[in-house]
């Protein structure tokens, strides 16, 4: 069935003006045909990318804000915070509680050699924070 669609698209492409928007769209689809049809061979592959697009939408919308970080260093700090927040969401850690606890630990003298204890995926909330959450 999908082979018939590909053949039909190639046939119709030959009938269209090369400069038309429709011809451009068909060429785009045909040039990515292997990736477009990959979900047919592997049931683990999503038919669309909506889940990923929804996950990155807040970051994409916030890009313009990042342009006004004030400096390259400010932009890098914003990127670290934004990445940490999104990572928290992915691993099921509440971002505000995580950031609050980690910053408090650092201010109170968390050992630099133990920074590997603090990423969201390795994070263990303090007992007081667990009681609040």
Protein backbone atom coordinates (compact mmCIF):
# COMPACT_ATOMS: atom_id res chain seq x y z
CA UNK A 1 0.00 0.00 0.00
CA UNK A 2 2.72 2.50 0.96
CA UNK A 3 4.67 1.57 -2.17
CA UNK A 4 1.63 2.61 -4.21
CA UNK A 5 1.59 5.99 -2.49
CA UNK A 6 5.26 6.54 -3.27
CA UNK A 7 4.73 5.61 -6.92
CA UNK A 8 1.69 7.92 -7.12
CA UNK A 9 3.66 10.82 -5.64
CA UNK A 10 6.49 10.29 -8.14
CA UNK A 11 3.97 10.17 -10.99
CA UNK A 12 2.23 13.39 -9.89
CA UNK A 13 5.57 15.11 -9.38
CA UNK A 14 6.27 14.66 -13.09
CA UNK A 15 3.03 16.49 -13.95
CA UNK A 16 3.65 19.55 -11.78
CA UNK A 17 5.70 22.67 -12.36
CA UNK A 18 9.07 22.24 -10.59
CA UNK A 19 8.61 25.61 -8.89
CA UNK A 20 5.15 24.95 -7.46
CA UNK A 21 4.63 24.63 -3.70
CA UNK A 22 3.02 21.22 -4.16
CA UNK A 23 6.00 19.91 -6.14
CA UNK A 24 8.31 21.23 -3.42
CA UNK A 25 6.28 19.45 -0.74
CA UNK A 26 6.28 16.17 -2.69
CA UNK A 27 10.05 16.37 -3.26
CA UNK A 28 10.51 17.03 0.46
CA UNK A 29 8.47 13.93 1.37
CA UNK A 30 10.18 11.72 -1.20
CA UNK A 31 13.66 12.82 -0.14
CA UNK A 32 12.81 11.70 3.41
CA UNK A 33 10.81 8.63 2.44
CA UNK A 34 12.91 6.11 4.42
CA UNK A 35 12.45 8.08 7.64
CA UNK A 36 8.83 8.85 6.87
CA UNK A 37 7.95 5.16 6.58
CA UNK A 38 10.24 3.86 9.32
CA UNK A 39 7.36 3.58 11.80
CA UNK A 40 5.84 0.86 9.59
CA UNK A 41 8.79 -1.46 10.31
CA UNK A 42 9.32 -0.63 13.99
CA UNK A 43 6.30 -0.41 16.28
CA UNK A 44 8.31 1.53 18.89
CA UNK A 45 8.67 4.53 16.58
CA UNK A 46 5.96 7.16 16.87
CA UNK A 47 4.11 8.13 13.69
CA UNK A 48 4.55 11.81 14.59
CA UNK A 49 6.77 13.95 16.78
CA UNK A 50 4.02 15.71 18.76
CA UNK A 51 5.22 14.37 22.12
CA UNK A 52 8.72 15.77 21.59
CA UNK A 53 7.42 19.03 20.14
CA UNK A 54 5.17 19.58 23.16
CA UNK A 55 8.08 18.86 25.50
CA UNK A 56 10.39 21.42 23.88
CA UNK A 57 7.76 24.10 23.21
CA UNK A 58 8.40 25.99 26.49
CA UNK A 59 12.11 26.14 25.68
CA UNK A 60 11.46 27.26 22.11
CA UNK A 61 9.08 29.97 23.31
CA UNK A 62 11.59 31.09 25.89
CA UNK A 63 14.43 31.42 23.36
CA UNK A 64 13.72 35.10 22.75
CA UNK A 65 13.92 35.76 26.47
CA UNK A 66 17.34 34.11 26.55
CA UNK A 67 18.58 36.59 23.96
CA UNK A 68 18.35 39.23 26.65
CA UNK A 69 20.39 37.34 29.25
CA UNK A 70 22.83 40.26 29.35
CA UNK A 71 26.01 38.39 28.44
CA UNK A 72 27.34 35.09 27.16
CA UNK A 73 27.79 33.98 30.77
CA UNK A 74 24.19 34.92 31.57
CA UNK A 75 23.01 32.92 28.58
CA UNK A 76 25.05 29.90 29.72
CA UNK A 77 23.58 30.14 33.22
CA UNK A 78 20.07 30.36 31.76
CA UNK A 79 20.79 27.26 29.66
CA UNK A 80 21.94 25.31 32.74
CA UNK A 81 18.78 26.24 34.66
CA UNK A 82 16.47 25.53 31.71
CA UNK A 83 18.16 22.15 31.09
CA UNK A 84 17.91 21.28 34.78
CA UNK A 85 14.19 22.13 34.89
CA UNK A 86 13.42 20.05 31.79
CA UNK A 87 15.53 17.15 33.08
CA UNK A 88 13.63 17.27 36.39
CA UNK A 89 10.37 16.97 34.46
CA UNK A 90 11.67 14.00 32.48
CA UNK A 91 12.81 12.06 35.57
CA UNK A 92 9.80 12.95 37.74
CA UNK A 93 11.42 15.41 40.15
CA UNK A 94 9.55 18.61 41.05
CA UNK A 95 11.78 21.37 39.53
CA UNK A 96 11.18 24.16 42.05
CA UNK A 97 11.75 21.91 45.06
CA UNK A 98 14.85 20.43 43.39
CA UNK A 99 16.42 23.81 42.58
CA UNK A 100 15.61 25.18 46.03
CA UNK A 101 17.12 22.18 47.78
CA UNK A 102 20.24 22.03 45.58
CA UNK A 103 20.96 25.75 45.94
CA UNK A 104 20.47 25.48 49.70
CA UNK A 105 22.88 22.53 49.86
CA UNK A 106 25.51 24.43 47.86
CA UNK A 107 25.16 27.56 50.03
CA UNK A 108 25.45 25.42 53.18
CA UNK A 109 28.76 23.96 51.97
CA UNK A 110 28.02 20.87 49.89
CA UNK A 111 31.41 19.37 49.05
CA UNK A 112 32.55 20.14 45.51
CA UNK A 113 33.89 16.60 45.09
CA UNK A 114 30.33 15.34 45.71
CA UNK A 115 28.59 17.37 42.96
CA UNK A 116 27.69 14.07 41.27
CA UNK A 117 25.07 13.65 44.03
CA UNK A 118 23.11 16.65 42.72
CA UNK A 119 21.96 16.06 39.10
CA UNK A 120 18.20 15.43 38.85
CA UNK A 121 18.61 11.77 37.83
CA UNK A 122 20.80 11.05 40.90
CA UNK A 123 18.97 13.38 43.24
CA UNK A 124 17.81 12.36 46.71
CA UNK A 125 15.65 14.97 48.40
CA UNK A 126 16.46 15.92 51.96
CA UNK A 127 14.05 14.45 54.56
CA UNK A 128 12.62 17.91 55.37
CA UNK A 129 11.86 18.51 51.69
CA UNK A 130 10.17 15.11 51.35
CA UNK A 131 7.88 15.97 54.26
CA UNK A 132 6.85 19.23 52.56
CA UNK A 133 6.26 17.67 49.13
